[in-house]
Amino acid sequence: MSYNHNQSFFLLLLVTLSITSCYVIHAESRHLLEITIPELSKPELPQLPEIPTLPKLEFPEISKPELPTLPKPELPTLPKLEMPVIPKPELPTLPKLEIPQVPKKP
């Protein structure tokens, strides 16, 4: 019987907390709507001096290095391997199974 009392207590607690949390959210949003923010004047920025343009840098051309050619290695030829012939196994023939016919219901 005490289990039923605990269950109703937790249900009441859950409902109470959900109601109070909803009220707080509405109250805070109402409070935000009532606040008036004073308008600030836009500050004036001083004129910046012009930045002189830099000349484009030119780099000297560098020639591509030439790599020496390497001699192509000669690989020895491998002898061709002969595969042994494996005879096919002879399997005995199985007799064909006959399935009896199921009698049909009239």
Protein backbone atom coordinates (compact mmCIF):
# COMPACT_ATOMS: atom_id res chain seq x y z
CA MET A 1 0.00 0.00 0.00
CA SER A 2 2.88 2.38 0.64
CA TYR A 3 3.88 2.02 -3.02
CA ASN A 4 0.65 3.74 -4.14
CA HIS A 5 1.34 6.68 -1.82
CA ASN A 6 4.85 7.16 -3.21
CA GLN A 7 3.55 7.01 -6.75
CA SER A 8 0.96 9.72 -6.15
CA PHE A 9 3.55 11.85 -4.34
CA PHE A 10 5.95 11.70 -7.30
CA LEU A 11 3.14 12.50 -9.72
CA LEU A 12 2.16 15.55 -7.65
CA LEU A 13 5.81 16.62 -7.47
CA LEU A 14 6.24 16.30 -11.24
CA VAL A 15 3.12 18.37 -11.97
CA THR A 16 4.15 21.06 -9.49
CA LEU A 17 7.65 21.40 -10.93
CA SER A 18 6.41 21.57 -14.51
CA ILE A 19 3.92 24.33 -13.64
CA THR A 20 6.50 26.44 -11.81
CA SER A 21 9.10 26.07 -14.57
CA CYS A 22 6.58 27.25 -17.19
CA TYR A 23 5.72 30.30 -15.10
CA VAL A 24 9.38 31.27 -14.72
CA ILE A 25 9.96 31.14 -18.49
CA HIS A 26 6.96 33.36 -19.19
CA ALA A 27 7.93 35.80 -16.46
CA GLU A 28 11.47 36.11 -17.81
CA SER A 29 10.29 36.67 -21.37
CA ARG A 30 7.86 39.35 -20.19
CA HIS A 31 10.70 40.99 -18.28
CA LEU A 32 12.85 41.03 -21.44
CA LEU A 33 10.06 42.66 -23.44
CA GLU A 34 9.70 45.48 -20.91
CA ILE A 35 13.40 46.44 -20.97
CA THR A 36 14.26 49.35 -23.23
CA ILE A 37 17.80 49.53 -24.49
CA PRO A 38 19.16 53.05 -25.01
CA GLU A 39 20.42 53.73 -28.53
CA LEU A 40 24.11 54.40 -28.75
CA SER A 41 25.57 56.82 -31.24
CA LYS A 42 27.73 55.33 -33.93
CA PRO A 43 31.37 56.25 -33.32
CA GLU A 44 33.19 58.06 -36.08
CA LEU A 45 36.35 56.38 -37.27
CA PRO A 46 39.32 58.47 -38.41
CA GLN A 47 40.38 58.23 -42.03
CA LEU A 48 43.15 55.72 -42.54
CA PRO A 49 46.14 56.74 -44.64
CA GLU A 50 46.59 55.03 -47.97
CA ILE A 51 48.90 52.04 -47.96
CA PRO A 52 51.52 52.19 -50.68
CA THR A 53 51.45 49.27 -53.07
CA LEU A 54 54.45 47.01 -53.09
CA PRO A 55 56.12 46.07 -56.35
CA LYS A 56 55.53 42.57 -57.61
CA LEU A 57 58.47 40.34 -56.85
CA GLU A 58 60.05 38.48 -59.72
CA PHE A 59 61.85 35.29 -59.02
CA PRO A 60 64.57 33.97 -61.32
CA GLU A 61 63.73 30.87 -63.26
CA ILE A 62 65.31 27.71 -62.04
CA SER A 63 66.04 25.02 -64.58
CA LYS A 64 64.71 21.55 -63.93
CA PRO A 65 67.35 19.13 -62.72
CA GLU A 66 68.02 16.29 -65.11
CA LEU A 67 68.03 12.87 -63.63
CA PRO A 68 70.49 10.34 -65.00
CA THR A 69 68.93 7.46 -66.86
CA LEU A 70 69.40 4.13 -65.20
CA PRO A 71 70.02 0.98 -67.21
CA LYS A 72 67.05 -1.29 -67.43
CA PRO A 73 67.68 -4.44 -65.37
CA GLU A 74 67.57 -7.69 -67.24
CA LEU A 75 65.65 -10.36 -65.44
CA PRO A 76 66.43 -14.01 -66.06
CA THR A 77 63.67 -16.01 -67.65
CA LEU A 78 62.04 -18.53 -65.41
CA PRO A 79 61.36 -22.05 -66.63
CA LYS A 80 57.71 -22.82 -67.24
CA LEU A 81 56.33 -25.21 -64.67
CA GLU A 82 54.30 -28.12 -65.83
CA MET A 83 51.18 -28.86 -63.87
CA PRO A 84 50.58 -32.52 -63.11
CA VAL A 85 47.42 -33.96 -64.58
CA ILE A 86 44.98 -35.09 -61.92
CA PRO A 87 42.49 -37.69 -63.08
CA LYS A 88 38.83 -36.93 -62.48
CA PRO A 89 37.28 -39.11 -59.81
CA GLU A 90 34.63 -41.49 -61.00
CA LEU A 91 31.51 -41.17 -58.96
CA PRO A 92 28.94 -43.92 -58.83
CA THR A 93 25.59 -43.03 -60.34
CA LEU A 94 22.80 -42.73 -57.84
CA PRO A 95 19.39 -44.18 -58.57
CA LYS A 96 16.63 -41.63 -59.10
CA LEU A 97 14.36 -41.38 -56.08
CA GLU A 98 10.72 -41.83 -56.65
CA ILE A 99 8.41 -39.71 -54.55
CA PRO A 100 5.11 -41.35 -53.82
CA GLN A 101 2.09 -39.36 -54.92
CA VAL A 102 -0.12 -37.95 -52.22
CA PRO A 103 -3.72 -38.99 -52.66
CA LYS A 104 -6.01 -36.08 -53.48
CA LYS A 105 -9.04 -35.31 -51.34
CA PRO A 106 -12.35 -35.56 -53.15
